[in-house]
């Protein structure tokens, strides 16, 4: 006979585990993109990511059913658009601003998600959760030695990216009630492909060697796996909670740089990591107390 208490514990652990696993795969994606030849533009990377994602979803899940059969379709399309806009806004901001400024502004998106969750679905945020969000933003700021630099346009684009990302994770949380993870990702890839394909077609960059083909395949596989895990994780936690768990990607990316790329270890790494991971632990503990 199953133990209801054990089921509750497994349900509580599922959200953080899915999100942390997704963050690890996004870290692998970041590493591949960093190692990819600079001649690959963001439009080329986006094309391979989105087109490859559509192909794999249809091949894996399309044999027994139509993965496009989701509901409501209009909301799936909106989620696809907001996710694509978040992606493009962040990349554009990084080109106009120092990376540190763009990333710290962008990682305010869990707070944006909390605002959208309250405005759309009436979800309330506890004081402990607000503290965790603030600690995460401070931790990311320490990581990147944050200074508000660059022009107003770049800062607005970074803030727009955070807003679109916050809305995206809020919508994913709602869409999980009626759609599978692969359907949600399929609509994201479709909308993303519609945006990147026209620019990619004007001057496509094609992999010129075996290793480049492998890296492009890695981009597709890491993106697919990370997005499916993240989408599934939103079935166990709210949008802004998932955003906080996903912020661990900053720590994982820094660790990869230290272990594989000989990046230096500084006090910023230890302090920022402590604040970010500490926020994840505190949030999970607070959720456990609230449910028991």
C-alpha atoms as a PDB file:
ATOM      1  CA  UNK A   1       0.000   0.000   0.000  1.00  0.00           C
ATOM      2  CA  UNK A   2       1.445   3.389  -0.993  1.00  0.00           C
ATOM      3  CA  UNK A   3       2.307   5.954   1.637  1.00  0.00           C
ATOM      4  CA  UNK A   4       0.527   9.323   1.052  1.00  0.00           C
ATOM      5  CA  UNK A   5       3.288  11.144   2.953  1.00  0.00           C
ATOM      6  CA  UNK A   6       5.923   9.713   0.626  1.00  0.00           C
ATOM      7  CA  UNK A   7       3.884  10.814  -2.397  1.00  0.00           C
ATOM      8  CA  UNK A   8       3.759  14.371  -1.017  1.00  0.00           C
ATOM      9  CA  UNK A   9       7.523  14.353  -0.446  1.00  0.00           C
ATOM     10  CA  UNK A  10       8.169  13.095  -3.996  1.00  0.00           C
ATOM     11  CA  UNK A  11       5.854  15.763  -5.413  1.00  0.00           C
ATOM     12  CA  UNK A  12       7.692  18.483  -3.471  1.00  0.00           C
ATOM     13  CA  UNK A  13      11.072  17.260  -4.704  1.00  0.00           C
ATOM     14  CA  UNK A  14       9.974  16.854  -8.321  1.00  0.00           C
ATOM     15  CA  UNK A  15       9.763  20.574  -9.186  1.00  0.00           C
ATOM     16  CA  UNK A  16      13.256  21.523  -7.968  1.00  0.00           C
ATOM     17  CA  UNK A  17      14.787  18.361  -9.473  1.00  0.00           C
ATOM     18  CA  UNK A  18      13.261  18.986 -12.911  1.00  0.00           C
ATOM     19  CA  UNK A  19      14.310  22.641 -12.826  1.00  0.00           C
ATOM     20  CA  UNK A  20      17.866  21.958 -11.650  1.00  0.00           C
ATOM     21  CA  UNK A  21      18.249  19.248 -14.312  1.00  0.00           C
ATOM     22  CA  UNK A  22      16.994  21.706 -16.909  1.00  0.00           C
ATOM     23  CA  UNK A  23      19.463  24.345 -15.667  1.00  0.00           C
ATOM     24  CA  UNK A  24      22.312  21.841 -16.081  1.00  0.00           C
ATOM     25  CA  UNK A  25      21.298  21.151 -19.674  1.00  0.00           C
ATOM     26  CA  UNK A  26      20.990  24.862 -20.430  1.00  0.00           C
ATOM     27  CA  UNK A  27      24.517  25.188 -19.052  1.00  0.00           C
ATOM     28  CA  UNK A  28      25.679  22.549 -21.541  1.00  0.00           C
ATOM     29  CA  UNK A  29      23.901  24.535 -24.254  1.00  0.00           C
ATOM     30  CA  UNK A  30      25.745  27.703 -23.195  1.00  0.00           C
ATOM     31  CA  UNK A  31      29.066  25.852 -23.384  1.00  0.00           C
ATOM     32  CA  UNK A  32      28.370  24.545 -26.891  1.00  0.00           C
ATOM     33  CA  UNK A  33      27.377  28.003 -28.131  1.00  0.00           C
ATOM     34  CA  UNK A  34      30.519  29.471 -26.561  1.00  0.00           C
ATOM     35  CA  UNK A  35      32.682  26.914 -28.393  1.00  0.00           C
ATOM     36  CA  UNK A  36      30.844  27.279 -31.717  1.00  0.00           C
ATOM     37  CA  UNK A  37      32.589  29.207 -34.483  1.00  0.00           C
ATOM     38  CA  UNK A  38      31.815  32.960 -34.236  1.00  0.00           C
ATOM     39  CA  UNK A  39      30.610  33.018 -37.839  1.00  0.00           C
ATOM     40  CA  UNK A  40      27.359  31.415 -36.630  1.00  0.00           C
ATOM     41  CA  UNK A  41      24.976  34.307 -36.000  1.00  0.00           C
ATOM     42  CA  UNK A  42      22.191  34.239 -33.430  1.00  0.00           C
ATOM     43  CA  UNK A  43      19.758  33.713 -36.331  1.00  0.00           C
ATOM     44  CA  UNK A  44      21.692  30.633 -37.465  1.00  0.00           C
ATOM     45  CA  UNK A  45      21.776  29.197 -33.938  1.00  0.00           C
ATOM     46  CA  UNK A  46      18.086  29.970 -33.502  1.00  0.00           C
ATOM     47  CA  UNK A  47      17.207  28.341 -36.830  1.00  0.00           C
ATOM     48  CA  UNK A  48      19.013  25.090 -36.001  1.00  0.00           C
ATOM     49  CA  UNK A  49      17.579  25.081 -32.488  1.00  0.00           C
ATOM     50  CA  UNK A  50      13.976  25.646 -33.558  1.00  0.00           C
ATOM     51  CA  UNK A  51      13.961  23.609 -36.781  1.00  0.00           C
ATOM     52  CA  UNK A  52      15.747  20.716 -35.083  1.00  0.00           C
ATOM     53  CA  UNK A  53      13.332  20.866 -32.154  1.00  0.00           C
ATOM     54  CA  UNK A  54      10.309  20.655 -34.453  1.00  0.00           C
ATOM     55  CA  UNK A  55      11.829  17.724 -36.356  1.00  0.00           C
ATOM     56  CA  UNK A  56      12.651  15.739 -33.217  1.00  0.00           C
ATOM     57  CA  UNK A  57       9.282  16.387 -31.556  1.00  0.00           C
ATOM     58  CA  UNK A  58       7.443  15.184 -34.682  1.00  0.00           C
ATOM     59  CA  UNK A  59       9.699  12.130 -35.058  1.00  0.00           C
ATOM     60  CA  UNK A  60       9.532  11.077 -31.399  1.00  0.00           C
ATOM     61  CA  UNK A  61       5.980  12.006 -30.432  1.00  0.00           C
ATOM     62  CA  UNK A  62       4.194  12.310 -33.780  1.00  0.00           C
ATOM     63  CA  UNK A  63       3.891   8.622 -34.651  1.00  0.00           C
ATOM     64  CA  UNK A  64       0.859   7.973 -32.439  1.00  0.00           C
ATOM     65  CA  UNK A  65      -0.722  11.415 -32.164  1.00  0.00           C
ATOM     66  CA  UNK A  66      -0.550  14.945 -33.494  1.00  0.00           C
ATOM     67  CA  UNK A  67       1.734  16.927 -31.115  1.00  0.00           C
ATOM     68  CA  UNK A  68       0.180  20.167 -32.401  1.00  0.00           C
ATOM     69  CA  UNK A  69      -3.150  19.115 -30.923  1.00  0.00           C
ATOM     70  CA  UNK A  70      -3.155  21.279 -27.823  1.00  0.00           C
ATOM     71  CA  UNK A  71      -5.524  23.690 -26.167  1.00  0.00           C
ATOM     72  CA  UNK A  72      -6.061  26.525 -26.110  1.00  0.00           C
ATOM     73  CA  UNK A  73      -4.101  26.987 -29.322  1.00  0.00           C
ATOM     74  CA  UNK A  74      -4.120  30.772 -29.095  1.00  0.00           C
ATOM     75  CA  UNK A  75      -2.436  30.657 -25.673  1.00  0.00           C
ATOM     76  CA  UNK A  76       0.159  28.163 -26.919  1.00  0.00           C
ATOM     77  CA  UNK A  77       0.951  30.581 -29.740  1.00  0.00           C
ATOM     78  CA  UNK A  78       1.166  33.499 -27.325  1.00  0.00           C
ATOM     79  CA  UNK A  79       3.602  31.508 -25.165  1.00  0.00           C
ATOM     80  CA  UNK A  80       5.654  30.744 -28.270  1.00  0.00           C
ATOM     81  CA  UNK A  81       5.762  34.430 -29.169  1.00  0.00           C
ATOM     82  CA  UNK A  82       6.675  35.614 -25.660  1.00  0.00           C
ATOM     83  CA  UNK A  83       9.440  33.013 -25.401  1.00  0.00           C
ATOM     84  CA  UNK A  84      10.854  34.059 -28.771  1.00  0.00           C
ATOM     85  CA  UNK A  85      10.683  37.755 -27.838  1.00  0.00           C
ATOM     86  CA  UNK A  86      12.455  37.051 -24.538  1.00  0.00           C
ATOM     87  CA  UNK A  87      15.226  35.239 -26.436  1.00  0.00           C
ATOM     88  CA  UNK A  88      15.661  38.001 -29.035  1.00  0.00           C
ATOM     89  CA  UNK A  89      15.400  40.839 -26.480  1.00  0.00           C
ATOM     90  CA  UNK A  90      18.130  39.340 -24.313  1.00  0.00           C
ATOM     91  CA  UNK A  91      20.488  38.744 -27.235  1.00  0.00           C
ATOM     92  CA  UNK A  92      19.882  42.285 -28.528  1.00  0.00           C
ATOM     93  CA  UNK A  93      20.502  43.710 -25.047  1.00  0.00           C
ATOM     94  CA  UNK A  94      23.778  41.806 -24.736  1.00  0.00           C
ATOM     95  CA  UNK A  95      24.938  43.384 -28.000  1.00  0.00           C
ATOM     96  CA  UNK A  96      24.168  46.888 -26.726  1.00  0.00           C
ATOM     97  CA  UNK A  97      25.208  46.542 -23.074  1.00  0.00           C
ATOM     98  CA  UNK A  98      27.993  44.995 -21.033  1.00  0.00           C
ATOM     99  CA  UNK A  99      27.046  41.356 -20.415  1.00  0.00           C
ATOM    100  CA  UNK A 100      26.947  41.976 -16.654  1.00  0.00           C
ATOM    101  CA  UNK A 101      24.347  44.742 -16.956  1.00  0.00           C
ATOM    102  CA  UNK A 102      22.154  42.775 -19.381  1.00  0.00           C
ATOM    103  CA  UNK A 103      22.220  39.551 -17.350  1.00  0.00           C
ATOM    104  CA  UNK A 104      21.466  41.121 -13.977  1.00  0.00           C
ATOM    105  CA  UNK A 105      18.502  43.035 -15.398  1.00  0.00           C
ATOM    106  CA  UNK A 106      17.285  39.901 -17.193  1.00  0.00           C
ATOM    107  CA  UNK A 107      17.441  37.768 -14.034  1.00  0.00           C
ATOM    108  CA  UNK A 108      14.741  39.914 -12.467  1.00  0.00           C
ATOM    109  CA  UNK A 109      12.315  37.748 -14.465  1.00  0.00           C
ATOM    110  CA  UNK A 110      11.201  35.610 -11.465  1.00  0.00           C
ATOM    111  CA  UNK A 111       9.911  38.836  -9.888  1.00  0.00           C
ATOM    112  CA  UNK A 112       8.209  39.674 -13.186  1.00  0.00           C
ATOM    113  CA  UNK A 113       6.639  36.211 -13.166  1.00  0.00           C
ATOM    114  CA  UNK A 114       5.302  36.816  -9.650  1.00  0.00           C
ATOM    115  CA  UNK A 115       3.682  40.066 -10.821  1.00  0.00           C
ATOM    116  CA  UNK A 116       2.097  38.373 -13.842  1.00  0.00           C
ATOM    117  CA  UNK A 117       0.932  35.415 -11.733  1.00  0.00           C
ATOM    118  CA  UNK A 118      -0.821  37.800  -9.341  1.00  0.00           C
ATOM    119  CA  UNK A 119      -2.299  39.968 -12.102  1.00  0.00           C
ATOM    120  CA  UNK A 120      -3.553  37.061 -14.261  1.00  0.00           C
ATOM    121  CA  UNK A 121      -4.260  34.219 -11.820  1.00  0.00           C
ATOM    122  CA  UNK A 122      -4.427  35.929  -8.430  1.00  0.00           C
ATOM    123  CA  UNK A 123      -1.433  34.000  -7.024  1.00  0.00           C
ATOM    124  CA  UNK A 124       0.103  35.614  -3.955  1.00  0.00           C
ATOM    125  CA  UNK A 125       3.778  35.681  -2.998  1.00  0.00           C
ATOM    126  CA  UNK A 126       4.928  35.122   0.587  1.00  0.00           C
ATOM    127  CA  UNK A 127       7.440  37.474   2.291  1.00  0.00           C
ATOM    128  CA  UNK A 128       9.988  34.638   2.358  1.00  0.00           C
ATOM    129  CA  UNK A 129       9.656  34.248  -1.412  1.00  0.00           C
ATOM    130  CA  UNK A 130      10.187  37.987  -1.933  1.00  0.00           C
ATOM    131  CA  UNK A 131      13.399  37.764   0.108  1.00  0.00           C
ATOM    132  CA  UNK A 132      14.541  34.793  -1.978  1.00  0.00           C
ATOM    133  CA  UNK A 133      13.947  36.739  -5.199  1.00  0.00           C
ATOM    134  CA  UNK A 134      15.868  39.729  -3.865  1.00  0.00           C
ATOM    135  CA  UNK A 135      18.755  37.525  -2.692  1.00  0.00           C
ATOM    136  CA  UNK A 136      18.910  35.854  -6.114  1.00  0.00           C
ATOM    137  CA  UNK A 137      19.127  39.178  -7.959  1.00  0.00           C
ATOM    138  CA  UNK A 138      21.842  40.361  -5.536  1.00  0.00           C
ATOM    139  CA  UNK A 139      23.705  37.067  -6.023  1.00  0.00           C
ATOM    140  CA  UNK A 140      23.616  37.408  -9.815  1.00  0.00           C
ATOM    141  CA  UNK A 141      24.761  41.041  -9.445  1.00  0.00           C
ATOM    142  CA  UNK A 142      27.746  39.965  -7.358  1.00  0.00           C
ATOM    143  CA  UNK A 143      28.561  37.245  -9.883  1.00  0.00           C
ATOM    144  CA  UNK A 144      28.710  39.734 -12.745  1.00  0.00           C
ATOM    145  CA  UNK A 145      30.172  42.671 -10.789  1.00  0.00           C
ATOM    146  CA  UNK A 146      27.035  44.600 -11.644  1.00  0.00           C
ATOM    147  CA  UNK A 147      27.215  48.249 -12.658  1.00  0.00           C
ATOM    148  CA  UNK A 148      24.373  49.992 -14.452  1.00  0.00           C
ATOM    149  CA  UNK A 149      26.092  50.793 -17.739  1.00  0.00           C
ATOM    150  CA  UNK A 150      25.159  51.240 -21.364  1.00  0.00           C
ATOM    151  CA  UNK A 151      22.423  53.160 -23.124  1.00  0.00           C
ATOM    152  CA  UNK A 152      18.757  53.355 -22.249  1.00  0.00           C
ATOM    153  CA  UNK A 153      17.731  51.271 -25.280  1.00  0.00           C
ATOM    154  CA  UNK A 154      19.845  48.310 -24.196  1.00  0.00           C
ATOM    155  CA  UNK A 155      18.564  48.535 -20.630  1.00  0.00           C
ATOM    156  CA  UNK A 156      14.966  48.670 -21.871  1.00  0.00           C
ATOM    157  CA  UNK A 157      15.577  45.615 -24.069  1.00  0.00           C
ATOM    158  CA  UNK A 158      17.024  43.679 -21.126  1.00  0.00           C
ATOM    159  CA  UNK A 159      14.026  44.675 -19.016  1.00  0.00           C
ATOM    160  CA  UNK A 160      11.687  43.693 -21.864  1.00  0.00           C
ATOM    161  CA  UNK A 161      13.453  40.320 -22.040  1.00  0.00           C
ATOM    162  CA  UNK A 162      12.847  39.835 -18.311  1.00  0.00           C
ATOM    163  CA  UNK A 163       9.193  40.787 -18.690  1.00  0.00           C
ATOM    164  CA  UNK A 164       8.663  38.427 -21.632  1.00  0.00           C
ATOM    165  CA  UNK A 165      10.479  35.625 -19.788  1.00  0.00           C
ATOM    166  CA  UNK A 166       8.375  36.241 -16.672  1.00  0.00           C
ATOM    167  CA  UNK A 167       5.170  36.102 -18.716  1.00  0.00           C
ATOM    168  CA  UNK A 168       6.405  32.992 -20.522  1.00  0.00           C
ATOM    169  CA  UNK A 169       7.015  30.936 -17.372  1.00  0.00           C
ATOM    170  CA  UNK A 170       3.662  32.092 -15.986  1.00  0.00           C
ATOM    171  CA  UNK A 171       1.878  30.885 -19.125  1.00  0.00           C
ATOM    172  CA  UNK A 172       3.746  27.572 -19.120  1.00  0.00           C
ATOM    173  CA  UNK A 173       2.476  26.928 -15.596  1.00  0.00           C
ATOM    174  CA  UNK A 174      -1.124  27.444 -16.809  1.00  0.00           C
ATOM    175  CA  UNK A 175      -0.660  25.494 -20.065  1.00  0.00           C
ATOM    176  CA  UNK A 176       0.669  22.430 -18.224  1.00  0.00           C
ATOM    177  CA  UNK A 177      -2.864  21.774 -16.949  1.00  0.00           C
ATOM    178  CA  UNK A 178      -4.110  20.916 -20.459  1.00  0.00           C
ATOM    179  CA  UNK A 179      -1.005  20.239 -22.571  1.00  0.00           C
ATOM    180  CA  UNK A 180       2.017  17.983 -22.633  1.00  0.00           C
ATOM    181  CA  UNK A 181       5.531  19.384 -22.282  1.00  0.00           C
ATOM    182  CA  UNK A 182       6.359  18.488 -25.885  1.00  0.00           C
ATOM    183  CA  UNK A 183       3.307  20.321 -27.256  1.00  0.00           C
ATOM    184  CA  UNK A 184       4.245  23.495 -25.388  1.00  0.00           C
ATOM    185  CA  UNK A 185       7.814  23.290 -26.714  1.00  0.00           C
ATOM    186  CA  UNK A 186       6.628  22.492 -30.251  1.00  0.00           C
ATOM    187  CA  UNK A 187       4.631  25.728 -30.428  1.00  0.00           C
ATOM    188  CA  UNK A 188       7.633  27.659 -29.076  1.00  0.00           C
ATOM    189  CA  UNK A 189       9.877  26.184 -31.772  1.00  0.00           C
ATOM    190  CA  UNK A 190       7.283  26.912 -34.455  1.00  0.00           C
ATOM    191  CA  UNK A 191       6.934  30.571 -33.522  1.00  0.00           C
ATOM    192  CA  UNK A 192      10.712  30.891 -33.125  1.00  0.00           C
ATOM    193  CA  UNK A 193      11.304  29.344 -36.548  1.00  0.00           C
ATOM    194  CA  UNK A 194       8.884  31.798 -38.161  1.00  0.00           C
ATOM    195  CA  UNK A 195      10.997  34.653 -36.779  1.00  0.00           C
ATOM    196  CA  UNK A 196      14.504  33.293 -37.495  1.00  0.00           C
ATOM    197  CA  UNK A 197      13.958  31.554 -40.848  1.00  0.00           C
ATOM    198  CA  UNK A 198      13.586  34.689 -43.047  1.00  0.00           C
ATOM    199  CA  UNK A 199      16.851  36.214 -41.763  1.00  0.00           C
ATOM    200  CA  UNK A 200      18.664  32.841 -41.795  1.00  0.00           C
ATOM    201  CA  UNK A 201      17.608  32.330 -45.424  1.00  0.00           C
ATOM    202  CA  UNK A 202      19.259  35.590 -46.542  1.00  0.00           C
ATOM    203  CA  UNK A 203      22.733  34.239 -45.744  1.00  0.00           C
ATOM    204  CA  UNK A 204      22.653  30.798 -44.117  1.00  0.00           C
ATOM    205  CA  UNK A 205      25.719  29.565 -42.269  1.00  0.00           C
ATOM    206  CA  UNK A 206      26.078  25.793 -42.716  1.00  0.00           C
ATOM    207  CA  UNK A 207      28.355  23.591 -40.564  1.00  0.00           C
ATOM    208  CA  UNK A 208      31.595  23.000 -42.446  1.00  0.00           C
ATOM    209  CA  UNK A 209      32.964  19.999 -40.540  1.00  0.00           C
ATOM    210  CA  UNK A 210      31.990  16.974 -38.492  1.00  0.00           C
ATOM    211  CA  UNK A 211      32.596  18.682 -35.133  1.00  0.00           C
ATOM    212  CA  UNK A 212      30.420  21.632 -36.169  1.00  0.00           C
ATOM    213  CA  UNK A 213      27.599  19.283 -37.152  1.00  0.00           C
ATOM    214  CA  UNK A 214      27.954  17.569 -33.771  1.00  0.00           C
ATOM    215  CA  UNK A 215      27.798  20.913 -31.961  1.00  0.00           C
ATOM    216  CA  UNK A 216      24.664  21.917 -33.878  1.00  0.00           C
ATOM    217  CA  UNK A 217      23.132  18.556 -32.981  1.00  0.00           C
ATOM    218  CA  UNK A 218      24.135  19.200 -29.377  1.00  0.00           C
ATOM    219  CA  UNK A 219      22.338  22.558 -29.468  1.00  0.00           C
ATOM    220  CA  UNK A 220      19.156  20.829 -30.645  1.00  0.00           C
ATOM    221  CA  UNK A 221      19.347  17.975 -28.134  1.00  0.00           C
ATOM    222  CA  UNK A 222      20.279  20.142 -25.145  1.00  0.00           C
ATOM    223  CA  UNK A 223      17.564  22.672 -25.969  1.00  0.00           C
ATOM    224  CA  UNK A 224      14.936  19.986 -26.411  1.00  0.00           C
ATOM    225  CA  UNK A 225      15.833  18.109 -23.226  1.00  0.00           C
ATOM    226  CA  UNK A 226      16.191  21.270 -21.131  1.00  0.00           C
ATOM    227  CA  UNK A 227      12.894  22.748 -22.316  1.00  0.00           C
ATOM    228  CA  UNK A 228      10.953  19.509 -21.805  1.00  0.00           C
ATOM    229  CA  UNK A 229      12.315  19.140 -18.269  1.00  0.00           C
ATOM    230  CA  UNK A 230      11.528  22.782 -17.506  1.00  0.00           C
ATOM    231  CA  UNK A 231       8.006  22.543 -18.949  1.00  0.00           C
ATOM    232  CA  UNK A 232       7.369  19.360 -16.968  1.00  0.00           C
ATOM    233  CA  UNK A 233       8.731  20.975 -13.824  1.00  0.00           C
ATOM    234  CA  UNK A 234       6.115  23.705 -14.010  1.00  0.00           C
ATOM    235  CA  UNK A 235       3.553  21.023 -13.266  1.00  0.00           C
ATOM    236  CA  UNK A 236       4.989  20.924  -9.728  1.00  0.00           C
ATOM    237  CA  UNK A 237       5.843  24.559  -8.987  1.00  0.00           C
ATOM    238  CA  UNK A 238       4.635  28.043  -9.824  1.00  0.00           C
ATOM    239  CA  UNK A 239       6.195  30.157 -12.557  1.00  0.00           C
ATOM    240  CA  UNK A 240       8.216  32.489 -10.335  1.00  0.00           C
ATOM    241  CA  UNK A 241       9.331  29.540  -8.176  1.00  0.00           C
ATOM    242  CA  UNK A 242      10.593  27.743 -11.265  1.00  0.00           C
ATOM    243  CA  UNK A 243      12.378  30.914 -12.333  1.00  0.00           C
ATOM    244  CA  UNK A 244      14.252  31.034  -9.031  1.00  0.00           C
ATOM    245  CA  UNK A 245      15.250  27.372  -9.345  1.00  0.00           C
ATOM    246  CA  UNK A 246      16.402  28.018 -12.923  1.00  0.00           C
ATOM    247  CA  UNK A 247      18.686  30.836 -11.725  1.00  0.00           C
ATOM    248  CA  UNK A 248      21.069  28.076 -10.610  1.00  0.00           C
ATOM    249  CA  UNK A 249      22.111  28.038 -14.288  1.00  0.00           C
ATOM    250  CA  UNK A 250      24.361  31.013 -13.447  1.00  0.00           C
ATOM    251  CA  UNK A 251      26.224  28.926 -10.859  1.00  0.00           C
ATOM    252  CA  UNK A 252      26.491  25.876 -13.122  1.00  0.00           C
ATOM    253  CA  UNK A 253      27.803  27.994 -16.003  1.00  0.00           C
ATOM    254  CA  UNK A 254      30.432  29.541 -13.731  1.00  0.00           C
ATOM    255  CA  UNK A 255      31.476  26.072 -12.543  1.00  0.00           C
ATOM    256  CA  UNK A 256      31.890  24.900 -16.140  1.00  0.00           C
ATOM    257  CA  UNK A 257      34.078  27.923 -16.830  1.00  0.00           C
ATOM    258  CA  UNK A 258      36.216  27.164 -13.777  1.00  0.00           C
ATOM    259  CA  UNK A 259      36.543  23.426 -14.407  1.00  0.00           C
ATOM    260  CA  UNK A 260      36.811  23.326 -18.207  1.00  0.00           C
ATOM    261  CA  UNK A 261      37.846  26.792 -19.397  1.00  0.00           C
ATOM    262  CA  UNK A 262      40.312  27.768 -16.648  1.00  0.00           C
ATOM    263  CA  UNK A 263      38.252  30.728 -15.482  1.00  0.00           C
ATOM    264  CA  UNK A 264      39.553  32.178 -12.184  1.00  0.00           C
ATOM    265  CA  UNK A 265      37.825  31.457  -8.863  1.00  0.00           C
ATOM    266  CA  UNK A 266      37.087  34.622  -6.919  1.00  0.00           C
ATOM    267  CA  UNK A 267      35.122  35.728  -3.880  1.00  0.00           C
ATOM    268  CA  UNK A 268      32.358  36.768  -6.265  1.00  0.00           C
ATOM    269  CA  UNK A 269      31.826  33.140  -7.256  1.00  0.00           C
ATOM    270  CA  UNK A 270      31.534  31.929  -3.658  1.00  0.00           C
ATOM    271  CA  UNK A 271      29.354  34.823  -2.474  1.00  0.00           C
ATOM    272  CA  UNK A 272      27.074  34.828  -5.503  1.00  0.00           C
ATOM    273  CA  UNK A 273      26.741  31.033  -5.449  1.00  0.00           C
ATOM    274  CA  UNK A 274      25.863  31.046  -1.761  1.00  0.00           C
ATOM    275  CA  UNK A 275      23.110  33.621  -2.265  1.00  0.00           C
ATOM    276  CA  UNK A 276      21.615  31.920  -5.330  1.00  0.00           C
ATOM    277  CA  UNK A 277      21.745  28.312  -4.110  1.00  0.00           C
ATOM    278  CA  UNK A 278      20.791  29.443  -0.600  1.00  0.00           C
ATOM    279  CA  UNK A 279      17.675  31.105  -2.028  1.00  0.00           C
ATOM    280  CA  UNK A 280      16.730  27.864  -3.793  1.00  0.00           C
ATOM    281  CA  UNK A 281      17.138  25.872  -0.571  1.00  0.00           C
ATOM    282  CA  UNK A 282      15.190  28.398   1.528  1.00  0.00           C
ATOM    283  CA  UNK A 283      12.369  28.583  -1.030  1.00  0.00           C
ATOM    284  CA  UNK A 284      12.059  24.792  -1.136  1.00  0.00           C
ATOM    285  CA  UNK A 285      12.040  24.589   2.670  1.00  0.00           C
ATOM    286  CA  UNK A 286       9.384  27.316   2.872  1.00  0.00           C
ATOM    287  CA  UNK A 287       7.219  25.446   0.360  1.00  0.00           C
ATOM    288  CA  UNK A 288       7.586  22.264   2.414  1.00  0.00           C
ATOM    289  CA  UNK A 289       6.454  24.005   5.592  1.00  0.00           C
ATOM    290  CA  UNK A 290       3.515  25.591   3.793  1.00  0.00           C
ATOM    291  CA  UNK A 291       2.261  22.237   2.505  1.00  0.00           C
ATOM    292  CA  UNK A 292       2.650  20.294   5.755  1.00  0.00           C
END
